Amino acid sequence: MAKLVERRPLKAWERLNILAFLKGMRTTLRWLLKRPITLEYPEARPYIPDNYRGTPTLVKDIYGREKCVACQLCEHICPAKAIRITPGPAPEGFSHIGRAPAIFQIDRSRCIHCGLCEEVCPEEAIVLQKEYSFSGTDRNAMMIDKEELYEAGGTLPDKYFKWGKSE
């Protein structure tokens, strides 16, 4: 059987919650006297740390050739399945490369910016840029194709010089 516990009646100052009210006012006054931390966003950009993982982009070598060889490792490692690659033939004069991507798309609405695609890429063709501000009006606007990815990525010197030999 349940035991009935009698509660003592609240005192007048407990009923008014004066202590809770004073704690709330103290917090309000503390924030009121601090300097505002709001940024005027488009003009003032926030600090981006060195280890920030931004949006993935493709890069070219210093001669303007694409580094991606369509190995599809990034497509297979992506946990969100945001990358889609369709392999195509290699560029003319570079048959030793094997193939190049005919279609390379990244769905920014699905990308979780984990950085696995950058880590697994054997050719260092995918680089995470420090871009954090992107938007679109619909899902199709968030699908970034190969040309846009190369435009955003730019060039990066090649450590391995796989393009050095030609036929």
C-alpha atoms as a PDB file:
ATOM      1  CA  MET A   1       0.000   0.000   0.000  1.00  0.00           C
ATOM      2  CA  ALA A   2       1.220   3.506  -0.797  1.00  0.00           C
ATOM      3  CA  LYS A   3       2.430   5.685   1.995  1.00  0.00           C
ATOM      4  CA  LEU A   4       1.045   9.203   2.101  1.00  0.00           C
ATOM      5  CA  VAL A   5       3.687  11.844   2.761  1.00  0.00           C
ATOM      6  CA  GLU A   6       2.569  15.172   4.132  1.00  0.00           C
ATOM      7  CA  ARG A   7       4.194  18.256   2.643  1.00  0.00           C
ATOM      8  CA  ARG A   8       4.979  21.204   4.771  1.00  0.00           C
ATOM      9  CA  PRO A   9       3.305  24.442   3.690  1.00  0.00           C
ATOM     10  CA  LEU A  10       5.501  26.892   1.737  1.00  0.00           C
ATOM     11  CA  LYS A  11       6.581  30.099   3.401  1.00  0.00           C
ATOM     12  CA  ALA A  12       5.704  33.462   1.824  1.00  0.00           C
ATOM     13  CA  TRP A  13       9.162  34.074   0.324  1.00  0.00           C
ATOM     14  CA  GLU A  14       9.191  30.539  -1.118  1.00  0.00           C
ATOM     15  CA  ARG A  15       5.828  31.080  -2.795  1.00  0.00           C
ATOM     16  CA  LEU A  16       7.037  34.266  -4.488  1.00  0.00           C
ATOM     17  CA  ASN A  17      10.178  32.573  -5.855  1.00  0.00           C
ATOM     18  CA  ILE A  18      12.229  35.658  -5.057  1.00  0.00           C
ATOM     19  CA  LEU A  19      15.516  33.725  -5.129  1.00  0.00           C
ATOM     20  CA  ALA A  20      14.824  32.320  -8.612  1.00  0.00           C
ATOM     21  CA  PHE A  21      13.757  35.770  -9.802  1.00  0.00           C
ATOM     22  CA  LEU A  22      16.970  37.342  -8.516  1.00  0.00           C
ATOM     23  CA  LYS A  23      19.116  34.658 -10.161  1.00  0.00           C
ATOM     24  CA  GLY A  24      17.387  35.312 -13.477  1.00  0.00           C
ATOM     25  CA  MET A  25      17.863  39.061 -13.160  1.00  0.00           C
ATOM     26  CA  ARG A  26      21.562  38.542 -12.364  1.00  0.00           C
ATOM     27  CA  THR A  27      22.009  36.502 -15.544  1.00  0.00           C
ATOM     28  CA  THR A  28      20.139  39.119 -17.587  1.00  0.00           C
ATOM     29  CA  LEU A  29      22.246  41.971 -16.217  1.00  0.00           C
ATOM     30  CA  ARG A  30      25.482  40.068 -16.796  1.00  0.00           C
ATOM     31  CA  TRP A  31      24.650  39.581 -20.498  1.00  0.00           C
ATOM     32  CA  LEU A  32      23.330  43.122 -20.801  1.00  0.00           C
ATOM     33  CA  LEU A  33      26.653  44.610 -19.703  1.00  0.00           C
ATOM     34  CA  LYS A  34      28.833  42.411 -21.961  1.00  0.00           C
ATOM     35  CA  ARG A  35      30.046  43.528 -25.365  1.00  0.00           C
ATOM     36  CA  PRO A  36      27.860  42.120 -28.173  1.00  0.00           C
ATOM     37  CA  ILE A  37      29.303  39.129 -30.042  1.00  0.00           C
ATOM     38  CA  THR A  38      27.134  39.436 -33.146  1.00  0.00           C
ATOM     39  CA  LEU A  39      28.935  39.581 -36.501  1.00  0.00           C
ATOM     40  CA  GLU A  40      27.761  41.591 -39.494  1.00  0.00           C
ATOM     41  CA  TYR A  41      27.949  38.383 -41.524  1.00  0.00           C
ATOM     42  CA  PRO A  42      28.559  39.223 -45.164  1.00  0.00           C
ATOM     43  CA  GLU A  43      31.101  41.918 -44.332  1.00  0.00           C
ATOM     44  CA  ALA A  44      32.731  40.361 -41.252  1.00  0.00           C
ATOM     45  CA  ARG A  45      33.654  36.697 -41.592  1.00  0.00           C
ATOM     46  CA  PRO A  46      34.195  34.502 -38.538  1.00  0.00           C
ATOM     47  CA  TYR A  47      37.577  32.973 -37.749  1.00  0.00           C
ATOM     48  CA  ILE A  48      38.033  29.588 -39.404  1.00  0.00           C
ATOM     49  CA  PRO A  49      40.448  27.221 -37.610  1.00  0.00           C
ATOM     50  CA  ASP A  50      43.141  25.356 -39.548  1.00  0.00           C
ATOM     51  CA  ASN A  51      41.503  21.963 -38.970  1.00  0.00           C
ATOM     52  CA  TYR A  52      38.106  23.060 -40.319  1.00  0.00           C
ATOM     53  CA  ARG A  53      36.601  20.507 -42.702  1.00  0.00           C
ATOM     54  CA  GLY A  54      34.744  22.454 -45.341  1.00  0.00           C
ATOM     55  CA  THR A  55      33.207  21.456 -48.619  1.00  0.00           C
ATOM     56  CA  PRO A  56      35.029  18.975 -50.896  1.00  0.00           C
ATOM     57  CA  THR A  57      36.336  20.240 -54.243  1.00  0.00           C
ATOM     58  CA  LEU A  58      38.477  18.816 -57.030  1.00  0.00           C
ATOM     59  CA  VAL A  59      41.897  20.261 -57.838  1.00  0.00           C
ATOM     60  CA  LYS A  60      44.063  20.279 -60.949  1.00  0.00           C
ATOM     61  CA  ASP A  61      47.838  20.059 -61.147  1.00  0.00           C
ATOM     62  CA  ILE A  62      50.021  23.057 -61.978  1.00  0.00           C
ATOM     63  CA  TYR A  63      49.644  22.367 -65.724  1.00  0.00           C
ATOM     64  CA  GLY A  64      45.847  22.464 -65.579  1.00  0.00           C
ATOM     65  CA  ARG A  65      45.279  18.709 -65.903  1.00  0.00           C
ATOM     66  CA  GLU A  66      42.776  16.956 -63.691  1.00  0.00           C
ATOM     67  CA  LYS A  67      44.265  14.755 -61.012  1.00  0.00           C
ATOM     68  CA  CYS A  68      41.277  12.450 -60.564  1.00  0.00           C
ATOM     69  CA  VAL A  69      41.719   9.019 -62.165  1.00  0.00           C
ATOM     70  CA  ALA A  70      38.158   7.830 -61.416  1.00  0.00           C
ATOM     71  CA  CYS A  71      39.246   5.098 -58.992  1.00  0.00           C
ATOM     72  CA  GLN A  72      35.903   5.599 -57.178  1.00  0.00           C
ATOM     73  CA  LEU A  73      37.403   5.104 -53.724  1.00  0.00           C
ATOM     74  CA  CYS A  74      35.826   8.363 -52.530  1.00  0.00           C
ATOM     75  CA  GLU A  75      32.445   7.237 -53.822  1.00  0.00           C
ATOM     76  CA  HIS A  76      32.676   3.951 -51.924  1.00  0.00           C
ATOM     77  CA  ILE A  77      33.986   5.432 -48.646  1.00  0.00           C
ATOM     78  CA  CYS A  78      31.408   8.261 -48.454  1.00  0.00           C
ATOM     79  CA  PRO A  79      29.009   7.380 -45.585  1.00  0.00           C
ATOM     80  CA  ALA A  80      26.322   9.745 -46.885  1.00  0.00           C
ATOM     81  CA  LYS A  81      26.612   8.519 -50.497  1.00  0.00           C
ATOM     82  CA  ALA A  82      27.003  12.137 -51.650  1.00  0.00           C
ATOM     83  CA  ILE A  83      29.586  11.432 -54.393  1.00  0.00           C
ATOM     84  CA  ARG A  84      28.751   9.936 -57.787  1.00  0.00           C
ATOM     85  CA  ILE A  85      31.467   9.115 -60.334  1.00  0.00           C
ATOM     86  CA  THR A  86      31.107   7.695 -63.832  1.00  0.00           C
ATOM     87  CA  PRO A  87      34.498   6.658 -65.255  1.00  0.00           C
ATOM     88  CA  GLY A  88      35.418   7.650 -68.770  1.00  0.00           C
ATOM     89  CA  PRO A  89      38.442   7.274 -71.060  1.00  0.00           C
ATOM     90  CA  ALA A  90      41.822   8.776 -70.180  1.00  0.00           C
ATOM     91  CA  PRO A  91      42.873  12.058 -71.784  1.00  0.00           C
ATOM     92  CA  GLU A  92      44.703  11.824 -75.111  1.00  0.00           C
ATOM     93  CA  GLY A  93      48.387  11.046 -74.750  1.00  0.00           C
ATOM     94  CA  PHE A  94      47.974   9.630 -71.232  1.00  0.00           C
ATOM     95  CA  SER A  95      46.790   6.065 -71.763  1.00  0.00           C
ATOM     96  CA  HIS A  96      49.042   4.903 -68.866  1.00  0.00           C
ATOM     97  CA  ILE A  97      46.629   6.680 -66.491  1.00  0.00           C
ATOM     98  CA  GLY A  98      43.807   4.307 -67.402  1.00  0.00           C
ATOM     99  CA  ARG A  99      40.743   6.500 -67.084  1.00  0.00           C
ATOM    100  CA  ALA A 100      39.383   9.845 -65.975  1.00  0.00           C
ATOM    101  CA  PRO A 101      35.969  10.792 -64.613  1.00  0.00           C
ATOM    102  CA  ALA A 102      33.369  11.477 -67.286  1.00  0.00           C
ATOM    103  CA  ILE A 103      30.863  12.533 -64.591  1.00  0.00           C
ATOM    104  CA  PHE A 104      31.849  13.602 -61.082  1.00  0.00           C
ATOM    105  CA  GLN A 105      29.073  14.993 -58.881  1.00  0.00           C
ATOM    106  CA  ILE A 106      28.889  15.894 -55.223  1.00  0.00           C
ATOM    107  CA  ASP A 107      25.514  16.450 -53.591  1.00  0.00           C
ATOM    108  CA  ARG A 108      26.149  19.203 -51.045  1.00  0.00           C
ATOM    109  CA  SER A 109      22.771  18.645 -49.431  1.00  0.00           C
ATOM    110  CA  ARG A 110      23.870  15.112 -48.459  1.00  0.00           C
ATOM    111  CA  CYS A 111      27.564  15.768 -47.699  1.00  0.00           C
ATOM    112  CA  ILE A 112      28.359  15.587 -43.975  1.00  0.00           C
ATOM    113  CA  HIS A 113      31.879  17.090 -44.340  1.00  0.00           C
ATOM    114  CA  CYS A 114      33.555  14.116 -42.692  1.00  0.00           C
ATOM    115  CA  GLY A 115      36.753  14.360 -44.757  1.00  0.00           C
ATOM    116  CA  LEU A 116      36.958  10.651 -45.595  1.00  0.00           C
ATOM    117  CA  CYS A 117      36.977  11.378 -49.332  1.00  0.00           C
ATOM    118  CA  GLU A 118      40.067  13.568 -48.942  1.00  0.00           C
ATOM    119  CA  GLU A 119      41.870  10.959 -46.835  1.00  0.00           C
ATOM    120  CA  VAL A 120      41.194   8.016 -49.138  1.00  0.00           C
ATOM    121  CA  CYS A 121      42.067   9.754 -52.438  1.00  0.00           C
ATOM    122  CA  PRO A 122      45.367   8.232 -53.692  1.00  0.00           C
ATOM    123  CA  GLU A 123      45.975  11.086 -56.141  1.00  0.00           C
ATOM    124  CA  GLU A 124      45.135  13.927 -53.720  1.00  0.00           C
ATOM    125  CA  ALA A 125      42.522  15.130 -56.197  1.00  0.00           C
ATOM    126  CA  ILE A 126      39.887  15.973 -53.553  1.00  0.00           C
ATOM    127  CA  VAL A 127      40.624  18.776 -51.120  1.00  0.00           C
ATOM    128  CA  LEU A 128      38.354  20.180 -48.436  1.00  0.00           C
ATOM    129  CA  GLN A 129      38.098  23.933 -48.911  1.00  0.00           C
ATOM    130  CA  LYS A 130      37.322  26.353 -46.099  1.00  0.00           C
ATOM    131  CA  GLU A 131      34.027  27.297 -47.697  1.00  0.00           C
ATOM    132  CA  TYR A 132      31.104  27.150 -45.312  1.00  0.00           C
ATOM    133  CA  SER A 133      28.507  29.396 -46.907  1.00  0.00           C
ATOM    134  CA  PHE A 134      26.592  27.793 -49.740  1.00  0.00           C
ATOM    135  CA  SER A 135      22.908  27.613 -50.464  1.00  0.00           C
ATOM    136  CA  GLY A 136      20.457  26.657 -53.143  1.00  0.00           C
ATOM    137  CA  THR A 137      16.818  27.135 -53.980  1.00  0.00           C
ATOM    138  CA  ASP A 138      16.182  23.428 -54.628  1.00  0.00           C
ATOM    139  CA  ARG A 139      17.976  20.083 -54.484  1.00  0.00           C
ATOM    140  CA  ASN A 140      19.226  20.326 -58.054  1.00  0.00           C
ATOM    141  CA  ALA A 141      21.076  23.530 -57.167  1.00  0.00           C
ATOM    142  CA  MET A 142      23.018  21.606 -54.499  1.00  0.00           C
ATOM    143  CA  MET A 143      24.307  19.037 -57.038  1.00  0.00           C
ATOM    144  CA  ILE A 144      27.773  20.279 -57.997  1.00  0.00           C
ATOM    145  CA  ASP A 145      29.252  18.873 -61.205  1.00  0.00           C
ATOM    146  CA  LYS A 146      32.866  18.373 -62.238  1.00  0.00           C
ATOM    147  CA  GLU A 147      33.389  21.792 -63.849  1.00  0.00           C
ATOM    148  CA  GLU A 148      32.100  23.659 -60.785  1.00  0.00           C
ATOM    149  CA  LEU A 149      34.217  21.486 -58.485  1.00  0.00           C
ATOM    150  CA  TYR A 150      37.368  22.258 -60.473  1.00  0.00           C
ATOM    151  CA  GLU A 151      36.496  25.955 -60.545  1.00  0.00           C
ATOM    152  CA  ALA A 152      36.132  26.022 -56.745  1.00  0.00           C
ATOM    153  CA  GLY A 153      39.220  23.871 -56.117  1.00  0.00           C
ATOM    154  CA  GLY A 154      41.792  25.572 -58.327  1.00  0.00           C
ATOM    155  CA  THR A 155      45.267  24.088 -58.662  1.00  0.00           C
ATOM    156  CA  LEU A 156      47.496  22.213 -56.246  1.00  0.00           C
ATOM    157  CA  PRO A 157      51.089  21.105 -56.904  1.00  0.00           C
ATOM    158  CA  ASP A 158      51.385  17.362 -57.524  1.00  0.00           C
ATOM    159  CA  LYS A 159      53.747  15.484 -55.198  1.00  0.00           C
ATOM    160  CA  TYR A 160      53.836  12.287 -57.232  1.00  0.00           C
ATOM    161  CA  PHE A 161      54.090  13.582 -60.825  1.00  0.00           C
ATOM    162  CA  LYS A 162      51.942  10.827 -62.276  1.00  0.00           C
ATOM    163  CA  TRP A 163      51.343  13.010 -65.324  1.00  0.00           C
ATOM    164  CA  GLY A 164      55.090  13.378 -65.944  1.00  0.00           C
ATOM    165  CA  LYS A 165      55.338  10.558 -68.446  1.00  0.00           C
ATOM    166  CA  SER A 166      53.498  10.656 -71.751  1.00  0.00           C
ATOM    167  CA  GLU A 167      53.432   8.549 -74.842  1.00  0.00           C
END
